[in-house]
Amino acid sequence: MMCGGSAGKGDALIADRPRDRVRPTAPKRTGRAARAGGCLAASALLLLLAVVALSAQGDPWVVVFYEAGCPSCEQIEELLELLSAEIPASAIVRHDVSDPTSLRLLTALTRAYDVELTSVPIVFVGDVVIVGSGWTQERQLTDAVSRCAMYGCPSPLRRTATAVLSAGLLRLTVLAILFALLWWWQTS
C-alpha cells in the first residue's frame, strides 16, 4: 500500500490482493429515511402478527351437523350443553343439514376426514369424528372436548380445501407484502 511515496514492487503485490481493495459502501440512512425504514419494518411485523393472531383465533373446534326433529341429534345437543361449561361459546358451531350450504360443508368435511356420511348427528372435534349417538359416541365426544379444552386442537374447518387454499393465499399475500416492503426499503 502506498503512503505518499513511491511504491516498490512488493507494495504493488499487496495492493492487488482482492481483500485489500476498497469497496464502495452504500450511504448510511439517516434522518427521515432511517425513521421511515424503521417504521415500515415495525409496521410489517405488526401486520404479520395480527394476521397470524386473527387466523388462529376465530375458528371453532367443535362442528356439529344435525337435522331438526332428530332424537339422536337432541341427545348430542343435551350433552354439548353440559360440556359447554368447559369450552368457550365460540368453540362450537352448529349446522342444519337441510341448509344446502351446510350440506356442502358437511360433504367437504367427510371427504377431508375420509368418513362416510351415513346419518346425523355427526360431530367433528379437532381430529375426531363422532357419528350418531349412544353411550360410545357420548363418551368419545366428552373425551374429545375435554382433550381439546385442556390441550387445544385444530379447527375441523381448516381441513376443507377452501380453508387450505385461503390459508395458503393469506401466507402468500403476507410474503408478497413483506417482499415488496423490503424491496422498497432497499431502493429508497
Protein backbone atom coordinates (compact mmCIF):
# COMPACT_ATOMS: atom_id res chain seq x y z
CA MET A 1 0.00 0.00 0.00
CA MET A 2 1.16 3.41 -0.77
CA CYS A 3 1.51 6.14 1.76
CA GLY A 4 2.59 9.32 -0.02
CA GLY A 5 5.83 7.99 -1.58
CA SER A 6 6.58 5.74 -4.50
CA ALA A 7 5.57 2.15 -4.22
CA GLY A 8 8.03 -0.67 -4.56
CA LYS A 9 7.42 -3.96 -6.32
CA GLY A 10 6.26 -5.65 -3.11
CA ASP A 11 3.79 -2.86 -2.37
CA ALA A 12 2.03 -3.35 -5.70
CA LEU A 13 1.51 -7.06 -4.98
CA ILE A 14 0.00 -6.31 -1.60
CA ALA A 15 -2.39 -3.72 -3.02
CA ASP A 16 -3.57 -6.13 -5.73
CA ARG A 17 -4.95 -8.66 -3.27
CA PRO A 18 -8.75 -8.72 -3.51
CA ARG A 19 -9.34 -8.28 0.20
CA ASP A 20 -7.37 -5.04 0.30
CA ARG A 21 -9.38 -3.35 -2.41
CA VAL A 22 -11.60 -0.59 -1.27
CA ARG A 23 -15.22 -1.37 -1.94
CA PRO A 24 -17.79 1.35 -2.23
CA THR A 25 -20.33 1.27 0.56
CA ALA A 26 -23.92 2.33 0.49
CA PRO A 27 -24.57 5.59 2.24
CA LYS A 28 -25.96 5.17 5.73
CA ARG A 29 -29.56 6.02 6.19
CA THR A 30 -30.02 8.95 8.46
CA GLY A 31 -32.84 11.18 9.46
CA ARG A 32 -36.18 10.72 7.75
CA ALA A 33 -35.13 7.76 5.59
CA ALA A 34 -33.93 5.77 8.62
CA ARG A 35 -37.09 6.53 10.58
CA ALA A 36 -39.29 5.61 7.60
CA GLY A 37 -37.45 2.29 7.16
CA GLY A 38 -37.75 1.50 10.87
CA CYS A 39 -41.45 2.39 10.92
CA LEU A 40 -42.01 0.34 7.79
CA ALA A 41 -40.29 -2.72 9.28
CA ALA A 42 -42.22 -2.35 12.54
CA SER A 43 -45.50 -1.97 10.63
CA ALA A 44 -44.78 -5.08 8.58
CA LEU A 45 -44.03 -7.08 11.73
CA LEU A 46 -47.23 -5.89 13.42
CA LEU A 47 -49.23 -6.75 10.30
CA LEU A 48 -47.78 -10.24 10.24
CA LEU A 49 -48.50 -10.79 13.94
CA ALA A 50 -52.07 -9.50 13.54
CA VAL A 51 -52.73 -11.81 10.58
CA VAL A 52 -51.40 -14.84 12.48
CA ALA A 53 -53.43 -13.96 15.59
CA LEU A 54 -56.66 -13.38 13.65
CA SER A 55 -56.33 -16.55 11.60
CA ALA A 56 -55.75 -18.62 14.74
CA GLN A 57 -58.47 -17.26 16.93
CA GLY A 58 -61.94 -17.33 15.36
CA ASP A 59 -62.10 -20.95 14.22
CA PRO A 60 -64.42 -23.33 16.10
CA TRP A 61 -63.03 -26.73 17.08
CA VAL A 62 -66.40 -28.43 17.56
CA VAL A 63 -68.56 -28.57 14.41
CA VAL A 64 -71.97 -30.22 14.78
CA PHE A 65 -74.27 -31.27 11.95
CA TYR A 66 -77.87 -32.04 12.90
CA GLU A 67 -81.36 -32.32 11.48
CA ALA A 68 -84.46 -30.74 13.02
CA GLY A 69 -86.66 -33.31 14.79
CA CYS A 70 -83.87 -35.91 15.05
CA PRO A 71 -83.95 -37.61 18.52
CA SER A 72 -80.28 -38.63 18.30
CA CYS A 73 -79.33 -35.04 17.46
CA GLU A 74 -81.23 -33.84 20.54
CA GLN A 75 -79.27 -36.28 22.76
CA ILE A 76 -75.95 -34.97 21.43
CA GLU A 77 -77.18 -31.39 21.83
CA GLU A 78 -78.02 -32.03 25.50
CA LEU A 79 -74.53 -33.40 26.06
CA LEU A 80 -72.98 -30.40 24.29
CA GLU A 81 -74.96 -28.09 26.58
CA LEU A 82 -73.42 -29.85 29.60
CA LEU A 83 -69.94 -29.70 28.07
CA SER A 84 -70.27 -26.05 27.11
CA ALA A 85 -69.20 -25.08 30.63
CA GLU A 86 -65.70 -26.35 29.79
CA ILE A 87 -65.31 -24.50 26.48
CA PRO A 88 -65.95 -21.02 25.12
CA ALA A 89 -69.18 -20.46 23.21
CA SER A 90 -67.25 -19.58 20.04
CA ALA A 91 -65.69 -23.06 20.01
CA ILE A 92 -68.94 -24.75 18.95
CA VAL A 93 -70.72 -24.16 15.66
CA ARG A 94 -73.91 -25.93 14.59
CA HIS A 95 -75.17 -26.60 11.06
CA ASP A 96 -78.59 -27.87 9.99
CA VAL A 97 -78.16 -30.33 7.11
CA SER A 98 -81.36 -29.09 5.48
CA ASP A 99 -79.42 -25.95 4.52
CA PRO A 100 -77.60 -26.52 1.18
CA THR A 101 -74.52 -24.56 2.33
CA SER A 102 -74.26 -26.66 5.47
CA LEU A 103 -74.67 -29.84 3.42
CA ARG A 104 -71.81 -28.77 1.12
CA LEU A 105 -69.63 -28.10 4.17
CA LEU A 106 -70.54 -31.50 5.62
CA THR A 107 -69.63 -33.18 2.33
CA ALA A 108 -66.27 -31.38 2.26
CA LEU A 109 -65.52 -32.37 5.86
CA THR A 110 -66.48 -36.03 5.34
CA ARG A 111 -64.10 -36.12 2.37
CA ALA A 112 -61.34 -34.43 4.38
CA TYR A 113 -61.76 -36.85 7.30
CA ASP A 114 -62.31 -39.84 5.00
CA VAL A 115 -65.57 -40.91 6.64
CA GLU A 116 -68.88 -41.97 5.11
CA LEU A 117 -71.90 -39.77 5.56
CA THR A 118 -74.40 -42.28 6.93
CA SER A 119 -76.51 -40.43 9.48
CA VAL A 120 -76.79 -37.41 11.70
CA PRO A 121 -75.73 -36.21 14.14
CA ILE A 122 -72.15 -36.03 13.02
CA VAL A 123 -69.71 -34.08 15.19
CA PHE A 124 -66.17 -33.04 14.26
CA VAL A 125 -63.96 -32.22 17.25
CA GLY A 126 -60.39 -31.36 16.31
CA ASP A 127 -59.17 -34.53 14.60
CA VAL A 128 -62.01 -36.76 15.86
CA VAL A 129 -65.28 -37.59 14.09
CA ILE A 130 -68.30 -38.87 16.02
CA VAL A 131 -71.22 -40.25 14.01
CA GLY A 132 -74.61 -40.97 15.60
CA SER A 133 -75.50 -41.06 19.28
CA GLY A 134 -75.31 -43.59 22.04
CA TRP A 135 -73.15 -44.33 25.04
CA THR A 136 -69.96 -44.86 22.97
CA GLN A 137 -70.44 -41.67 20.95
CA GLU A 138 -71.20 -39.64 24.09
CA ARG A 139 -68.01 -40.97 25.71
CA GLN A 140 -65.98 -40.14 22.57
CA LEU A 141 -67.44 -36.63 22.44
CA THR A 142 -66.79 -36.00 26.13
CA ASP A 143 -63.18 -37.19 25.83
CA ALA A 144 -62.51 -35.23 22.64
CA VAL A 145 -63.96 -31.98 24.02
CA SER A 146 -62.08 -32.36 27.31
CA ARG A 147 -58.83 -33.05 25.47
CA CYS A 148 -59.32 -30.00 23.24
CA ALA A 149 -60.23 -27.82 26.22
CA MET A 150 -57.05 -28.84 28.04
CA TYR A 151 -54.52 -29.01 25.21
CA GLY A 152 -56.14 -27.17 22.32
CA CYS A 153 -56.85 -28.68 18.95
CA PRO A 154 -57.17 -27.58 15.32
CA SER A 155 -60.44 -26.49 13.84
CA PRO A 156 -62.06 -29.12 11.63
CA LEU A 157 -62.86 -26.33 9.18
CA ARG A 158 -59.15 -25.99 8.42
CA ARG A 159 -59.22 -29.38 6.70
CA THR A 160 -61.54 -28.30 3.93
CA ALA A 161 -59.99 -27.41 0.58
CA THR A 162 -61.29 -23.85 0.79
CA ALA A 163 -59.63 -23.30 4.17
CA VAL A 164 -56.34 -24.77 2.99
CA LEU A 165 -56.46 -22.59 -0.12
CA SER A 166 -57.38 -19.49 1.92
CA ALA A 167 -54.57 -20.09 4.40
CA GLY A 168 -52.10 -20.60 1.56
CA LEU A 169 -53.24 -17.44 -0.21
CA LEU A 170 -53.05 -15.50 3.04
CA ARG A 171 -49.46 -16.64 3.64
CA LEU A 172 -48.53 -15.86 0.05
CA THR A 173 -50.06 -12.39 0.30
CA VAL A 174 -48.22 -11.62 3.53
CA LEU A 175 -44.97 -12.86 1.99
CA ALA A 176 -45.51 -10.71 -1.11
CA ILE A 177 -46.22 -7.65 1.04
CA LEU A 178 -43.11 -8.24 3.12
CA PHE A 179 -41.02 -8.73 -0.03
CA ALA A 180 -42.41 -5.51 -1.54
CA LEU A 181 -41.73 -3.59 1.66
CA LEU A 182 -38.19 -4.93 1.83
CA TRP A 183 -37.60 -4.04 -1.81
CA TRP A 184 -38.99 -0.53 -1.28
CA TRP A 185 -36.83 -0.06 1.82
CA GLN A 186 -33.69 -1.16 -0.03
CA THR A 187 -34.32 1.09 -3.03
CA SER A 188 -35.38 4.24 -1.23
